[in-house]
């Protein structure tokens, strides 16, 4: 690991911790993503994390708050755009017909995408609106 990569890893660690401390499992390479999606049954919430302000101020807080809903995904995973590039690229292959977007949030059922929130539906929205988007998806699909 070069000095830049080490520096960036230190910078993003709190951003990773915000999700892992809320119960999210990090997937850091393509093989982990493929194995996870192939073997996991039931519902999964996938957060494509990023270093941008809308991830910090909107996406991560909204995702964490949405998990207080009565219905919520059985599984929680995250990939980190710009950091775990192979994992992020592999996970995006499962987001059928969705252009790459970070941050973004995907709800999957048995490995199939059932709801997707791209950056365009995060940036410029309130945390409460994003929570409502997520909880409506949970209530409709779970």
Protein backbone atom coordinates (compact mmCIF):
# COMPACT_ATOMS: atom_id res chain seq x y z
CA UNK A 1 0.00 0.00 0.00
CA UNK A 2 1.43 3.36 -0.96
CA UNK A 3 1.34 6.44 1.27
CA UNK A 4 -1.69 7.93 -0.51
CA UNK A 5 -3.75 4.73 -0.14
CA UNK A 6 -2.78 4.51 3.53
CA UNK A 7 -3.75 8.16 4.08
CA UNK A 8 -7.13 7.68 2.37
CA UNK A 9 -7.81 4.48 4.32
CA UNK A 10 -7.36 6.45 7.55
CA UNK A 11 -9.61 9.27 6.31
CA UNK A 12 -12.48 6.98 5.32
CA UNK A 13 -12.38 4.65 8.33
CA UNK A 14 -14.92 6.70 10.34
CA UNK A 15 -17.22 6.64 7.28
CA UNK A 16 -16.95 2.85 7.18
CA UNK A 17 -17.44 2.60 10.94
CA UNK A 18 -20.69 4.56 10.79
CA UNK A 19 -22.26 1.66 8.87
CA UNK A 20 -20.43 -1.31 10.39
CA UNK A 21 -21.37 -0.11 13.88
CA UNK A 22 -25.00 -0.12 12.70
CA UNK A 23 -24.67 -3.80 11.74
CA UNK A 24 -23.55 -3.60 8.11
CA UNK A 25 -21.08 -6.15 6.79
CA UNK A 26 -18.39 -4.69 4.53
CA UNK A 27 -17.70 -6.43 1.25
CA UNK A 28 -14.28 -5.34 0.04
CA UNK A 29 -13.59 -7.37 -3.10
CA UNK A 30 -15.48 -8.79 -6.04
CA UNK A 31 -15.26 -12.38 -4.85
CA UNK A 32 -16.86 -11.50 -1.51
CA UNK A 33 -19.71 -9.72 -3.33
CA UNK A 34 -20.35 -12.59 -5.72
CA UNK A 35 -20.28 -15.18 -2.91
CA UNK A 36 -22.55 -13.04 -0.74
CA UNK A 37 -25.19 -12.44 -3.42
CA UNK A 38 -25.13 -16.07 -4.61
CA UNK A 39 -25.49 -17.53 -1.12
CA UNK A 40 -27.74 -15.06 0.71
CA UNK A 41 -31.48 -15.60 0.75
CA UNK A 42 -34.06 -13.09 1.88
CA UNK A 43 -33.84 -9.33 1.90
CA UNK A 44 -30.63 -7.30 1.81
CA UNK A 45 -30.03 -3.59 2.07
CA UNK A 46 -26.91 -2.55 0.15
CA UNK A 47 -25.31 0.82 0.74
CA UNK A 48 -22.81 2.07 -1.81
CA UNK A 49 -20.89 4.29 0.58
CA UNK A 50 -18.76 7.26 -0.48
CA UNK A 51 -16.74 10.16 0.92
CA UNK A 52 -19.05 12.90 -0.36
CA UNK A 53 -21.02 15.21 1.88
CA UNK A 54 -24.38 13.79 0.84
CA UNK A 55 -23.25 10.36 2.03
CA UNK A 56 -22.19 11.80 5.39
CA UNK A 57 -25.06 14.20 5.98
CA UNK A 58 -27.90 12.33 4.29
CA UNK A 59 -27.40 8.74 3.11
CA UNK A 60 -25.72 7.14 6.12
CA UNK A 61 -27.94 8.87 8.72
CA UNK A 62 -31.10 8.05 6.73
CA UNK A 63 -30.14 4.41 6.28
CA UNK A 64 -29.41 4.02 9.98
CA UNK A 65 -32.67 5.72 10.96
CA UNK A 66 -34.68 3.62 8.49
CA UNK A 67 -33.65 0.48 10.37
CA UNK A 68 -35.93 1.55 13.23
CA UNK A 69 -38.92 0.63 11.01
CA UNK A 70 -41.01 -2.40 12.06
CA UNK A 71 -40.24 -4.08 8.73
CA UNK A 72 -36.57 -3.97 7.80
CA UNK A 73 -34.12 -5.97 5.69
CA UNK A 74 -32.77 -9.21 7.12
CA UNK A 75 -29.24 -8.52 5.85
CA UNK A 76 -27.13 -5.36 5.70
CA UNK A 77 -24.05 -4.96 3.50
CA UNK A 78 -21.96 -2.12 2.18
CA UNK A 79 -19.35 -1.50 -0.48
CA UNK A 80 -17.24 1.66 -0.61
CA UNK A 81 -17.07 3.48 -3.95
CA UNK A 82 -13.64 4.85 -4.75
CA UNK A 83 -12.02 2.66 -2.08
CA UNK A 84 -13.10 -0.93 -2.70
CA UNK A 85 -13.41 -0.48 -6.44
CA UNK A 86 -13.63 -4.15 -7.41
CA UNK A 87 -16.36 -4.84 -4.83
CA UNK A 88 -18.32 -1.76 -5.88
CA UNK A 89 -18.09 -2.63 -9.58
CA UNK A 90 -19.20 -6.22 -8.92
CA UNK A 91 -22.13 -5.13 -6.70
CA UNK A 92 -23.30 -2.66 -9.35
CA UNK A 93 -23.65 -5.58 -11.79
CA UNK A 94 -26.61 -6.73 -9.66
CA UNK A 95 -28.30 -3.30 -9.88
CA UNK A 96 -30.07 -4.13 -13.13
CA UNK A 97 -30.52 -1.16 -15.48
CA UNK A 98 -29.19 1.36 -12.94
CA UNK A 99 -26.28 3.63 -13.88
CA UNK A 100 -23.39 3.77 -11.39
CA UNK A 101 -24.25 6.10 -8.53
CA UNK A 102 -22.59 6.87 -5.23
CA UNK A 103 -23.81 7.11 -2.72
CA UNK A 104 -26.76 4.89 -3.45
CA UNK A 105 -28.95 2.41 -1.63
CA UNK A 106 -30.37 -0.81 -3.03
CA UNK A 107 -32.96 -3.17 -1.60
CA UNK A 108 -32.55 -6.70 -2.88
CA UNK A 109 -34.69 -9.79 -2.41
CA UNK A 110 -32.97 -13.15 -3.00
CA UNK A 111 -30.21 -11.39 -4.95
CA UNK A 112 -32.59 -9.42 -7.20
CA UNK A 113 -32.95 -5.65 -7.12
CA UNK A 114 -36.41 -4.54 -5.95
CA UNK A 115 -35.80 -0.86 -5.07
CA UNK A 116 -32.97 1.57 -5.83
CA UNK A 117 -32.19 5.04 -4.55
CA UNK A 118 -29.53 6.79 -6.67
CA UNK A 119 -27.55 9.84 -5.63
CA UNK A 120 -30.14 12.02 -7.42
CA UNK A 121 -32.73 10.91 -4.84
CA UNK A 122 -30.33 11.57 -1.93
CA UNK A 123 -28.59 14.84 -2.73
CA UNK A 124 -30.94 17.76 -2.15
CA UNK A 125 -33.41 15.71 -0.09
CA UNK A 126 -33.93 15.77 3.67
CA UNK A 127 -32.95 12.80 5.83
CA UNK A 128 -36.65 12.34 6.65
CA UNK A 129 -37.57 12.10 2.94
CA UNK A 130 -34.89 9.46 2.34
CA UNK A 131 -36.04 7.53 5.42
CA UNK A 132 -39.59 7.64 4.06
CA UNK A 133 -38.39 6.37 0.66
CA UNK A 134 -36.60 3.47 2.38
CA UNK A 135 -39.33 2.55 4.84
CA UNK A 136 -41.97 2.64 2.09
CA UNK A 137 -39.77 0.21 0.13
CA UNK A 138 -39.41 -2.04 3.20
CA UNK A 139 -43.17 -2.02 3.79
CA UNK A 140 -43.92 -2.77 0.12
CA UNK A 141 -41.29 -5.44 -0.52
CA UNK A 142 -40.60 -7.20 2.77
